[in-house]
Amino acid sequence: IAVLTLCAAVALAAAPPMVAAAGPGHRVVLRDRID
């Protein structure tokens, strides 16, 4: 149960709806932070 909970937490943290702060149709990724 603990591993499954951790998997779900990782998925929610990395899934696009959770990082979609760059405007409609976009998400924030590491590529936007490093030039």
PDB file of all heavy atoms in Angstrom:
ATOM      1  N   ILE A   1       0.831  -1.207   0.000  1.00  0.00           N
ATOM      2  CA  ILE A   1       0.000   0.000   0.000  1.00  0.00           C
ATOM      3  C   ILE A   1       0.861   1.250   0.000  1.00  0.00           C
ATOM      4  O   ILE A   1       0.587   2.232  -0.703  1.00  0.00           O
ATOM      5  CB  ILE A   1      -0.937  -0.025   1.221  1.00  0.00           C
ATOM      6  CG1 ILE A   1      -1.949  -1.177   1.094  1.00  0.00           C
ATOM      7  CG2 ILE A   1      -1.675   1.303   1.356  1.00  0.00           C
ATOM      8  CD1 ILE A   1      -2.801  -1.373   2.333  1.00  0.00           C
ATOM      9  N   ALA A   2       1.964   1.215   0.774  1.00  0.00           N
ATOM     10  CA  ALA A   2       2.852   2.384   0.830  1.00  0.00           C
ATOM     11  C   ALA A   2       3.508   2.635  -0.518  1.00  0.00           C
ATOM     12  O   ALA A   2       3.609   3.795  -0.972  1.00  0.00           O
ATOM     13  CB  ALA A   2       3.924   2.172   1.901  1.00  0.00           C
ATOM     14  N   VAL A   3       3.967   1.580  -1.191  1.00  0.00           N
ATOM     15  CA  VAL A   3       4.581   1.746  -2.504  1.00  0.00           C
ATOM     16  C   VAL A   3       3.572   2.278  -3.511  1.00  0.00           C
ATOM     17  O   VAL A   3       3.878   3.172  -4.327  1.00  0.00           O
ATOM     18  CB  VAL A   3       5.188   0.408  -2.984  1.00  0.00           C
ATOM     19  CG1 VAL A   3       5.661   0.522  -4.429  1.00  0.00           C
ATOM     20  CG2 VAL A   3       6.344   0.006  -2.094  1.00  0.00           C
ATOM     21  N   LEU A   4       2.357   1.762  -3.486  1.00  0.00           N
ATOM     22  CA  LEU A   4       1.329   2.232  -4.403  1.00  0.00           C
ATOM     23  C   LEU A   4       1.004   3.703  -4.153  1.00  0.00           C
ATOM     24  O   LEU A   4       0.820   4.485  -5.089  1.00  0.00           O
ATOM     25  CB  LEU A   4       0.068   1.376  -4.253  1.00  0.00           C
ATOM     26  CG  LEU A   4      -1.098   1.735  -5.184  1.00  0.00           C
ATOM     27  CD1 LEU A   4      -0.673   1.644  -6.632  1.00  0.00           C
ATOM     28  CD2 LEU A   4      -2.299   0.847  -4.907  1.00  0.00           C
ATOM     29  N   THR A   5       0.955   4.087  -2.878  1.00  0.00           N
ATOM     30  CA  THR A   5       0.711   5.494  -2.557  1.00  0.00           C
ATOM     31  C   THR A   5       1.838   6.379  -3.079  1.00  0.00           C
ATOM     32  O   THR A   5       1.600   7.468  -3.618  1.00  0.00           O
ATOM     33  CB  THR A   5       0.579   5.668  -1.040  1.00  0.00           C
ATOM     34  OG1 THR A   5      -0.479   4.840  -0.558  1.00  0.00           O
ATOM     35  CG2 THR A   5       0.280   7.117  -0.680  1.00  0.00           C
ATOM     36  N   LEU A   6       3.077   5.913  -2.922  1.00  0.00           N
ATOM     37  CA  LEU A   6       4.220   6.680  -3.426  1.00  0.00           C
ATOM     38  C   LEU A   6       4.163   6.793  -4.949  1.00  0.00           C
ATOM     39  O   LEU A   6       4.454   7.857  -5.512  1.00  0.00           O
ATOM     40  CB  LEU A   6       5.519   6.020  -2.987  1.00  0.00           C
ATOM     41  CG  LEU A   6       6.817   6.712  -3.406  1.00  0.00           C
ATOM     42  CD1 LEU A   6       6.857   8.140  -2.878  1.00  0.00           C
ATOM     43  CD2 LEU A   6       8.028   5.932  -2.915  1.00  0.00           C
ATOM     44  N   CYS A   7       3.793   5.698  -5.638  1.00  0.00           N
ATOM     45  CA  CYS A   7       3.666   5.739  -7.100  1.00  0.00           C
ATOM     46  C   CYS A   7       2.625   6.768  -7.528  1.00  0.00           C
ATOM     47  O   CYS A   7       2.828   7.548  -8.466  1.00  0.00           O
ATOM     48  CB  CYS A   7       3.285   4.354  -7.638  1.00  0.00           C
ATOM     49  SG  CYS A   7       4.583   3.117  -7.499  1.00  0.00           S
ATOM     50  N   ALA A   8       1.489   6.773  -6.835  1.00  0.00           N
ATOM     51  CA  ALA A   8       0.438   7.731  -7.176  1.00  0.00           C
ATOM     52  C   ALA A   8       0.903   9.159  -6.933  1.00  0.00           C
ATOM     53  O   ALA A   8       0.608  10.072  -7.715  1.00  0.00           O
ATOM     54  CB  ALA A   8      -0.820   7.430  -6.362  1.00  0.00           C
ATOM     55  N   ALA A   9       1.657   9.373  -5.838  1.00  0.00           N
ATOM     56  CA  ALA A   9       2.159  10.718  -5.549  1.00  0.00           C
ATOM     57  C   ALA A   9       3.129  11.187  -6.619  1.00  0.00           C
ATOM     58  O   ALA A   9       3.090  12.345  -7.059  1.00  0.00           O
ATOM     59  CB  ALA A   9       2.829  10.731  -4.174  1.00  0.00           C
ATOM     60  N   VAL A  10       4.031  10.286  -7.061  1.00  0.00           N
ATOM     61  CA  VAL A  10       4.968  10.637  -8.132  1.00  0.00           C
ATOM     62  C   VAL A  10       4.221  10.966  -9.413  1.00  0.00           C
ATOM     63  O   VAL A  10       4.540  11.935 -10.117  1.00  0.00           O
ATOM     64  CB  VAL A  10       5.964   9.475  -8.365  1.00  0.00           C
ATOM     65  CG1 VAL A  10       6.798   9.731  -9.609  1.00  0.00           C
ATOM     66  CG2 VAL A  10       6.862   9.314  -7.155  1.00  0.00           C
ATOM     67  N   ALA A  11       3.200  10.169  -9.727  1.00  0.00           N
ATOM     68  CA  ALA A  11       2.432  10.414 -10.953  1.00  0.00           C
ATOM     69  C   ALA A  11       1.717  11.754 -10.904  1.00  0.00           C
ATOM     70  O   ALA A  11       1.720  12.512 -11.877  1.00  0.00           O
ATOM     71  CB  ALA A  11       1.424   9.285 -11.163  1.00  0.00           C
ATOM     72  N   LEU A  12       1.114  12.061  -9.760  1.00  0.00           N
ATOM     73  CA  LEU A  12       0.412  13.335  -9.643  1.00  0.00           C
ATOM     74  C   LEU A  12       1.374  14.510  -9.706  1.00  0.00           C
ATOM     75  O   LEU A  12       1.060  15.565 -10.247  1.00  0.00           O
ATOM     76  CB  LEU A  12      -0.368  13.372  -8.327  1.00  0.00           C
ATOM     77  CG  LEU A  12      -1.606  12.479  -8.256  1.00  0.00           C
ATOM     78  CD1 LEU A  12      -2.210  12.530  -6.864  1.00  0.00           C
ATOM     79  CD2 LEU A  12      -2.630  12.889  -9.306  1.00  0.00           C
ATOM     80  N   ALA A  13       2.575  14.343  -9.140  1.00  0.00           N
ATOM     81  CA  ALA A  13       3.558  15.432  -9.155  1.00  0.00           C
ATOM     82  C   ALA A  13       4.096  15.683 -10.543  1.00  0.00           C
ATOM     83  O   ALA A  13       4.440  16.813 -10.906  1.00  0.00           O
ATOM     84  CB  ALA A  13       4.709  15.111  -8.205  1.00  0.00           C
ATOM     85  N   ALA A  14       4.197  14.651 -11.374  1.00  0.00           N
ATOM     86  CA  ALA A  14       4.813  14.788 -12.704  1.00  0.00           C
ATOM     87  C   ALA A  14       3.803  14.907 -13.818  1.00  0.00           C
ATOM     88  O   ALA A  14       4.155  15.304 -14.919  1.00  0.00           O
ATOM     89  CB  ALA A  14       5.708  13.584 -12.983  1.00  0.00           C
ATOM     90  N   ALA A  15       2.554  14.564 -13.565  1.00  0.00           N
ATOM     91  CA  ALA A  15       1.556  14.607 -14.627  1.00  0.00           C
ATOM     92  C   ALA A  15       1.315  16.032 -15.077  1.00  0.00           C
ATOM     93  O   ALA A  15       1.387  16.974 -14.290  1.00  0.00           O
ATOM     94  CB  ALA A  15       0.248  13.992 -14.134  1.00  0.00           C
ATOM     95  N   PRO A  16       1.018  16.254 -16.349  1.00  0.00           N
ATOM     96  CA  PRO A  16       0.871  17.591 -16.909  1.00  0.00           C
ATOM     97  C   PRO A  16      -0.127  18.481 -16.200  1.00  0.00           C
ATOM     98  O   PRO A  16       0.153  19.657 -16.005  1.00  0.00           O
ATOM     99  CB  PRO A  16       0.448  17.313 -18.359  1.00  0.00           C
ATOM    100  CG  PRO A  16       0.949  15.950 -18.635  1.00  0.00           C
ATOM    101  CD  PRO A  16       0.879  15.207 -17.345  1.00  0.00           C
ATOM    102  N   PRO A  17      -1.313  18.001 -15.752  1.00  0.00           N
ATOM    103  CA  PRO A  17      -2.240  18.920 -15.117  1.00  0.00           C
ATOM    104  C   PRO A  17      -1.678  19.566 -13.864  1.00  0.00           C
ATOM    105  O   PRO A  17      -2.092  20.644 -13.485  1.00  0.00           O
ATOM    106  CB  PRO A  17      -3.441  18.015 -14.778  1.00  0.00           C
ATOM    107  CG  PRO A  17      -3.364  16.894 -15.739  1.00  0.00           C
ATOM    108  CD  PRO A  17      -1.899  16.665 -15.932  1.00  0.00           C
ATOM    109  N   MET A  18      -0.704  18.889 -13.212  1.00  0.00           N
ATOM    110  CA  MET A  18      -0.151  19.438 -11.992  1.00  0.00           C
ATOM    111  C   MET A  18       0.934  20.469 -12.241  1.00  0.00           C
ATOM    112  O   MET A  18       1.323  21.197 -11.335  1.00  0.00           O
ATOM    113  CB  MET A  18       0.418  18.309 -11.129  1.00  0.00           C
ATOM    114  CG  MET A  18      -0.608  17.271 -10.732  1.00  0.00           C
ATOM    115  SD  MET A  18      -1.970  17.989  -9.789  1.00  0.00           S
ATOM    116  CE  MET A  18      -1.115  18.467  -8.299  1.00  0.00           C
ATOM    117  N   VAL A  19       1.473  20.516 -13.457  1.00  0.00           N
ATOM    118  CA  VAL A  19       2.545  21.471 -13.756  1.00  0.00           C
ATOM    119  C   VAL A  19       2.152  22.402 -14.884  1.00  0.00           C
ATOM    120  O   VAL A  19       2.976  23.090 -15.448  1.00  0.00           O
ATOM    121  CB  VAL A  19       3.846  20.729 -14.140  1.00  0.00           C
ATOM    122  CG1 VAL A  19       4.366  19.956 -12.962  1.00  0.00           C
ATOM    123  CG2 VAL A  19       3.630  19.810 -15.316  1.00  0.00           C
ATOM    124  N   ALA A  20       0.860  22.445 -15.212  1.00  0.00           N
ATOM    125  CA  ALA A  20       0.417  23.268 -16.327  1.00  0.00           C
ATOM    126  C   ALA A  20       0.291  24.710 -15.886  1.00  0.00           C
ATOM    127  O   ALA A  20      -0.784  25.237 -15.701  1.00  0.00           O
ATOM    128  CB  ALA A  20      -0.926  22.767 -16.864  1.00  0.00           C
ATOM    129  N   ALA A  21       1.433  25.342 -15.658  1.00  0.00           N
ATOM    130  CA  ALA A  21       1.448  26.719 -15.201  1.00  0.00           C
ATOM    131  C   ALA A  21       1.973  27.665 -16.251  1.00  0.00           C
ATOM    132  O   ALA A  21       2.193  28.833 -15.987  1.00  0.00           O
ATOM    133  CB  ALA A  21       2.304  26.824 -13.938  1.00  0.00           C
ATOM    134  N   ALA A  22       2.206  27.172 -17.440  1.00  0.00           N
ATOM    135  CA  ALA A  22       2.786  28.003 -18.500  1.00  0.00           C
ATOM    136  C   ALA A  22       1.738  28.516 -19.470  1.00  0.00           C
ATOM    137  O   ALA A  22       2.073  29.047 -20.503  1.00  0.00           O
ATOM    138  CB  ALA A  22       3.823  27.202 -19.260  1.00  0.00           C
ATOM    139  N   GLY A  23       0.454  28.371 -19.108  1.00  0.00           N
ATOM    140  CA  GLY A  23      -0.596  28.847 -20.007  1.00  0.00           C
ATOM    141  C   GLY A  23      -1.288  27.682 -20.669  1.00  0.00           C
ATOM    142  O   GLY A  23      -0.861  26.531 -20.565  1.00  0.00           O
ATOM    143  N   PRO A  24      -2.409  27.957 -21.356  1.00  0.00           N
ATOM    144  CA  PRO A  24      -3.171  26.887 -21.997  1.00  0.00           C
ATOM    145  C   PRO A  24      -2.321  26.116 -22.999  1.00  0.00           C
ATOM    146  O   PRO A  24      -1.619  26.698 -23.817  1.00  0.00           O
ATOM    147  CB  PRO A  24      -4.312  27.656 -22.694  1.00  0.00           C
ATOM    148  CG  PRO A  24      -4.412  28.959 -21.968  1.00  0.00           C
ATOM    149  CD  PRO A  24      -3.018  29.272 -21.523  1.00  0.00           C
ATOM    150  N   GLY A  25      -2.410  24.785 -22.906  1.00  0.00           N
ATOM    151  CA  GLY A  25      -1.696  23.939 -23.854  1.00  0.00           C
ATOM    152  C   GLY A  25      -0.233  23.774 -23.564  1.00  0.00           C
ATOM    153  O   GLY A  25       0.489  23.191 -24.364  1.00  0.00           O
ATOM    154  N   HIS A  26       0.247  24.286 -22.438  1.00  0.00           N
ATOM    155  CA  HIS A  26       1.669  24.185 -22.103  1.00  0.00           C
ATOM    156  C   HIS A  26       1.825  23.773 -20.650  1.00  0.00           C
ATOM    157  O   HIS A  26       0.894  23.886 -19.855  1.00  0.00           O
ATOM    158  CB  HIS A  26       2.396  25.511 -22.345  1.00  0.00           C
ATOM    159  CG  HIS A  26       2.514  25.864 -23.791  1.00  0.00           C
ATOM    160  ND1 HIS A  26       1.465  26.401 -24.511  1.00  0.00           N
ATOM    161  CD2 HIS A  26       3.539  25.731 -24.668  1.00  0.00           C
ATOM    162  CE1 HIS A  26       1.848  26.595 -25.765  1.00  0.00           C
ATOM    163  NE2 HIS A  26       3.098  26.205 -25.881  1.00  0.00           N
ATOM    164  N   ARG A  27       3.010  23.314 -20.311  1.00  0.00           N
ATOM    165  CA  ARG A  27       3.334  22.960 -18.955  1.00  0.00           C
ATOM    166  C   ARG A  27       4.758  23.410 -18.665  1.00  0.00           C
ATOM    167  O   ARG A  27       5.536  23.696 -19.571  1.00  0.00           O
ATOM    168  CB  ARG A  27       3.213  21.448 -18.734  1.00  0.00           C
ATOM    169  CG  ARG A  27       4.106  20.623 -19.637  1.00  0.00           C
ATOM    170  CD  ARG A  27       3.717  19.157 -19.579  1.00  0.00           C
ATOM    171  NE  ARG A  27       4.459  18.385 -20.564  1.00  0.00           N
ATOM    172  CZ  ARG A  27       5.553  17.686 -20.303  1.00  0.00           C
ATOM    173  NH1 ARG A  27       6.022  17.663 -19.090  1.00  0.00           N
ATOM    174  NH2 ARG A  27       6.160  17.017 -21.252  1.00  0.00           N
ATOM    175  N   VAL A  28       5.085  23.501 -17.403  1.00  0.00           N
ATOM    176  CA  VAL A  28       6.425  23.905 -16.995  1.00  0.00           C
ATOM    177  C   VAL A  28       7.305  22.668 -16.912  1.00  0.00           C
ATOM    178  O   VAL A  28       6.977  21.704 -16.227  1.00  0.00           O
ATOM    179  CB  VAL A  28       6.390  24.622 -15.629  1.00  0.00           C
ATOM    180  CG1 VAL A  28       7.795  24.967 -15.177  1.00  0.00           C
ATOM    181  CG2 VAL A  28       5.533  25.873 -15.714  1.00  0.00           C
ATOM    182  N   VAL A  29       8.422  22.681 -17.620  1.00  0.00           N
ATOM    183  CA  VAL A  29       9.359  21.573 -17.620  1.00  0.00           C
ATOM    184  C   VAL A  29      10.768  22.117 -17.410  1.00  0.00           C
ATOM    185  O   VAL A  29      11.003  23.320 -17.488  1.00  0.00           O
ATOM    186  CB  VAL A  29       9.288  20.767 -18.945  1.00  0.00           C
ATOM    187  CG1 VAL A  29       7.948  20.055 -19.057  1.00  0.00           C
ATOM    188  CG2 VAL A  29       9.505  21.671 -20.153  1.00  0.00           C
ATOM    189  N   LEU A  30      11.711  21.206 -17.140  1.00  0.00           N
ATOM    190  CA  LEU A  30      13.099  21.628 -16.914  1.00  0.00           C
ATOM    191  C   LEU A  30      13.674  22.346 -18.116  1.00  0.00           C
ATOM    192  O   LEU A  30      14.514  23.237 -17.987  1.00  0.00           O
ATOM    193  CB  LEU A  30      13.964  20.407 -16.585  1.00  0.00           C
ATOM    194  CG  LEU A  30      13.723  19.746 -15.226  1.00  0.00           C
ATOM    195  CD1 LEU A  30      14.627  18.546 -15.077  1.00  0.00           C
ATOM    196  CD2 LEU A  30      13.940  20.735 -14.099  1.00  0.00           C
ATOM    197  N   ARG A  31      13.229  21.973 -19.318  1.00  0.00           N
ATOM    198  CA  ARG A  31      13.738  22.588 -20.540  1.00  0.00           C
ATOM    199  C   ARG A  31      13.534  24.100 -20.529  1.00  0.00           C
ATOM    200  O   ARG A  31      14.293  24.852 -21.139  1.00  0.00           O
ATOM    201  CB  ARG A  31      13.030  21.965 -21.746  1.00  0.00           C
ATOM    202  CG  ARG A  31      13.452  22.482 -23.086  1.00  0.00           C
ATOM    203  CD  ARG A  31      12.822  21.642 -24.162  1.00  0.00           C
ATOM    204  NE  ARG A  31      13.270  20.257 -24.034  1.00  0.00           N
ATOM    205  CZ  ARG A  31      14.423  19.820 -24.502  1.00  0.00           C
ATOM    206  NH1 ARG A  31      15.223  20.629 -25.149  1.00  0.00           N
ATOM    207  NH2 ARG A  31      14.779  18.564 -24.346  1.00  0.00           N
ATOM    208  N   ASP A  32      12.479  24.572 -19.854  1.00  0.00           N
ATOM    209  CA  ASP A  32      12.196  26.004 -19.804  1.00  0.00           C
ATOM    210  C   ASP A  32      13.092  26.728 -18.812  1.00  0.00           C
ATOM    211  O   ASP A  32      13.121  27.948 -18.785  1.00  0.00           O
ATOM    212  CB  ASP A  32      10.734  26.237 -19.419  1.00  0.00           C
ATOM    213  CG  ASP A  32       9.782  25.645 -20.438  1.00  0.00           C
ATOM    214  OD1 ASP A  32      10.135  25.627 -21.623  1.00  0.00           O
ATOM    215  OD2 ASP A  32       8.698  25.189 -20.037  1.00  0.00           O
ATOM    216  N   ARG A  33      13.806  25.989 -17.970  1.00  0.00           N
ATOM    217  CA  ARG A  33      14.602  26.608 -16.920  1.00  0.00           C
ATOM    218  C   ARG A  33      16.082  26.677 -17.247  1.00  0.00           C
ATOM    219  O   ARG A  33      16.831  27.382 -16.599  1.00  0.00           O
ATOM    220  CB  ARG A  33      14.428  25.819 -15.613  1.00  0.00           C
ATOM    221  CG  ARG A  33      12.982  25.720 -15.153  1.00  0.00           C
ATOM    222  CD  ARG A  33      12.406  27.072 -14.853  1.00  0.00           C
ATOM    223  NE  ARG A  33      11.045  26.970 -14.341  1.00  0.00           N
ATOM    224  CZ  ARG A  33      10.259  28.000 -14.141  1.00  0.00           C
ATOM    225  NH1 ARG A  33      10.687  29.217 -14.414  1.00  0.00           N
ATOM    226  NH2 ARG A  33       9.041  27.836 -13.686  1.00  0.00           N
ATOM    227  N   ILE A  34      16.532  25.908 -18.211  1.00  0.00           N
ATOM    228  CA  ILE A  34      17.962  25.836 -18.519  1.00  0.00           C
ATOM    229  C   ILE A  34      18.184  26.265 -19.958  1.00  0.00           C
ATOM    230  O   ILE A  34      17.554  25.749 -20.870  1.00  0.00           O
ATOM    231  CB  ILE A  34      18.503  24.420 -18.306  1.00  0.00           C
ATOM    232  CG1 ILE A  34      18.280  24.001 -16.845  1.00  0.00           C
ATOM    233  CG2 ILE A  34      19.974  24.326 -18.667  1.00  0.00           C
ATOM    234  CD1 ILE A  34      18.748  22.615 -16.536  1.00  0.00           C
ATOM    235  N   ASP A  35      19.055  27.215 -20.182  1.00  0.00           N
ATOM    236  CA  ASP A  35      19.420  27.684 -21.517  1.00  0.00           C
ATOM    237  C   ASP A  35      20.929  27.627 -21.670  1.00  0.00           C
ATOM    238  O   ASP A  35      21.669  27.706 -20.678  1.00  0.00           O
ATOM    239  CB  ASP A  35      18.952  29.123 -21.733  1.00  0.00           C
ATOM    240  CG  ASP A  35      17.446  29.219 -21.835  1.00  0.00           C
ATOM    241  OD1 ASP A  35      16.869  28.426 -22.587  1.00  0.00           O
ATOM    242  OD2 ASP A  35      16.857  30.075 -21.155  1.00  0.00           O
TER     243      ASP A  35
END
